[in-house]
C-alpha atoms as a PDB file:
ATOM      1  CA  MET A   1     -26.693  18.849  27.319  1.00  0.00           C
ATOM      2  CA  SER A   2     -28.500  18.194  24.119  1.00  0.00           C
ATOM      3  CA  TRP A   3     -28.170  14.927  22.211  1.00  0.00           C
ATOM      4  CA  ASN A   4     -26.548  16.638  19.234  1.00  0.00           C
ATOM      5  CA  LEU A   5     -23.721  18.009  21.371  1.00  0.00           C
ATOM      6  CA  LEU A   6     -23.297  14.682  23.111  1.00  0.00           C
ATOM      7  CA  LEU A   7     -23.042  12.812  19.792  1.00  0.00           C
ATOM      8  CA  THR A   8     -20.678  15.462  18.414  1.00  0.00           C
ATOM      9  CA  LEU A   9     -18.317  14.909  21.339  1.00  0.00           C
ATOM     10  CA  PHE A  10     -18.757  11.133  21.410  1.00  0.00           C
ATOM     11  CA  CYS A  11     -17.875  10.524  17.766  1.00  0.00           C
ATOM     12  CA  PRO A  12     -14.268  11.868  17.815  1.00  0.00           C
ATOM     13  CA  VAL A  13     -13.564  10.254  21.182  1.00  0.00           C
ATOM     14  CA  LEU A  14     -14.731   6.902  19.882  1.00  0.00           C
ATOM     15  CA  MET A  15     -12.644   7.309  16.725  1.00  0.00           C
ATOM     16  CA  LEU A  16      -9.512   8.169  18.726  1.00  0.00           C
ATOM     17  CA  PHE A  17     -10.081   5.162  20.961  1.00  0.00           C
ATOM     18  CA  GLY A  18     -10.444   2.865  17.953  1.00  0.00           C
ATOM     19  CA  MET A  19      -7.388   4.251  16.180  1.00  0.00           C
ATOM     20  CA  GLY A  20      -5.291   4.010  19.337  1.00  0.00           C
ATOM     21  CA  LYS A  21      -6.360   0.417  19.838  1.00  0.00           C
ATOM     22  CA  MET A  22      -5.431  -0.376  16.237  1.00  0.00           C
ATOM     23  CA  PHE A  23      -1.952   1.146  16.593  1.00  0.00           C
ATOM     24  CA  PHE A  24      -1.194  -0.436  19.957  1.00  0.00           C
ATOM     25  CA  SER A  25      -2.332  -3.898  18.863  1.00  0.00           C
ATOM     26  CA  LYS A  26       0.151  -3.854  15.937  1.00  0.00           C
ATOM     27  CA  LYS A  27       3.043  -3.106  18.293  1.00  0.00           C
ATOM     28  CA  ARG A  28       2.325  -6.261  20.271  1.00  0.00           C
ATOM     29  CA  GLU A  29       2.360  -8.564  17.253  1.00  0.00           C
ATOM     30  CA  ASP A  30       5.472 -10.604  16.508  1.00  0.00           C
ATOM     31  CA  PRO A  31       6.940  -9.402  13.196  1.00  0.00           C
ATOM     32  CA  SER A  32       9.005 -12.559  12.661  1.00  0.00           C
ATOM     33  CA  PRO A  33       6.371 -14.586  10.704  1.00  0.00           C
ATOM     34  CA  THR A  34       6.227 -11.950   7.979  1.00  0.00           C
ATOM     35  CA  ALA A  35       9.925 -11.100   8.018  1.00  0.00           C
ATOM     36  CA  ILE A  36      11.811 -11.761   4.794  1.00  0.00           C
ATOM     37  CA  SER A  37      15.058 -13.625   5.109  1.00  0.00           C
ATOM     38  CA  SER A  38      18.087 -11.684   3.947  1.00  0.00           C
ATOM     39  CA  GLN A  39      19.191 -14.567   1.712  1.00  0.00           C
ATOM     40  CA  ASP A  40      16.070 -14.367  -0.473  1.00  0.00           C
ATOM     41  CA  THR A  41      16.003 -10.587  -0.781  1.00  0.00           C
ATOM     42  CA  PRO A  42      18.714  -9.925  -3.414  1.00  0.00           C
ATOM     43  CA  HIS A  43      17.329 -12.565  -5.780  1.00  0.00           C
ATOM     44  CA  ASP A  44      13.779 -11.301  -5.328  1.00  0.00           C
ATOM     45  CA  VAL A  45      14.829  -7.704  -5.872  1.00  0.00           C
ATOM     46  CA  HIS A  46      16.732  -8.618  -9.020  1.00  0.00           C
ATOM     47  CA  GLU A  47      13.747 -10.581 -10.321  1.00  0.00           C
ATOM     48  CA  LEU A  48      11.430  -7.631  -9.650  1.00  0.00           C
ATOM     49  CA  GLN A  49      13.830  -5.246 -11.394  1.00  0.00           C
ATOM     50  CA  LEU A  50      13.781  -7.498 -14.472  1.00  0.00           C
ATOM     51  CA  GLN A  51       9.988  -7.563 -14.432  1.00  0.00           C
ATOM     52  CA  ILE A  52       9.881  -3.769 -14.164  1.00  0.00           C
ATOM     53  CA  ALA A  53      12.258  -3.435 -17.128  1.00  0.00           C
ATOM     54  CA  ASP A  54      10.108  -5.797 -19.208  1.00  0.00           C
ATOM     55  CA  LEU A  55       6.964  -3.853 -18.306  1.00  0.00           C
ATOM     56  CA  MET A  56       8.632  -0.559 -19.199  1.00  0.00           C
ATOM     57  CA  VAL A  57       9.582  -1.915 -22.635  1.00  0.00           C
ATOM     58  CA  GLU A  58       6.064  -3.248 -23.155  1.00  0.00           C
ATOM     59  CA  ASN A  59       4.591   0.080 -22.053  1.00  0.00           C
ATOM     60  CA  HIS A  60       6.802   1.973 -24.508  1.00  0.00           C
ATOM     61  CA  GLN A  61       5.792  -0.366 -27.348  1.00  0.00           C
ATOM     62  CA  LEU A  62       2.123   0.153 -26.543  1.00  0.00           C
ATOM     63  CA  LYS A  63       2.601   3.936 -26.513  1.00  0.00           C
ATOM     64  CA  VAL A  64       4.237   3.774 -29.941  1.00  0.00           C
ATOM     65  CA  LYS A  65       1.435   1.604 -31.334  1.00  0.00           C
ATOM     66  CA  THR A  66      -1.190   3.922 -29.867  1.00  0.00           C
ATOM     67  CA  ALA A  67       0.504   6.985 -31.343  1.00  0.00           C
ATOM     68  CA  GLU A  68       0.725   5.307 -34.749  1.00  0.00           C
ATOM     69  CA  HIS A  69      -2.927   4.327 -34.559  1.00  0.00           C
ATOM     70  CA  LEU A  70      -3.972   7.862 -33.648  1.00  0.00           C
ATOM     71  CA  ASN A  71      -1.962   9.347 -36.507  1.00  0.00           C
ATOM     72  CA  ASP A  72      -3.657   7.097 -39.072  1.00  0.00           C
END
């Protein structure tokens, strides 16, 4: 076998091995340290919704100012 064929076969096998190791190592980790408590979630979601609304208003105002500037 030539070296080119050997490297061509080795590369995908090595990638599959690395990807499989990455996926299997995440299954073994304990998800509890990063878990969000259910008591904090509604408040956080509401706070994020308010921030999104504020950003949407700000975005609209910037679009209006940009349009006015382009028309001048």
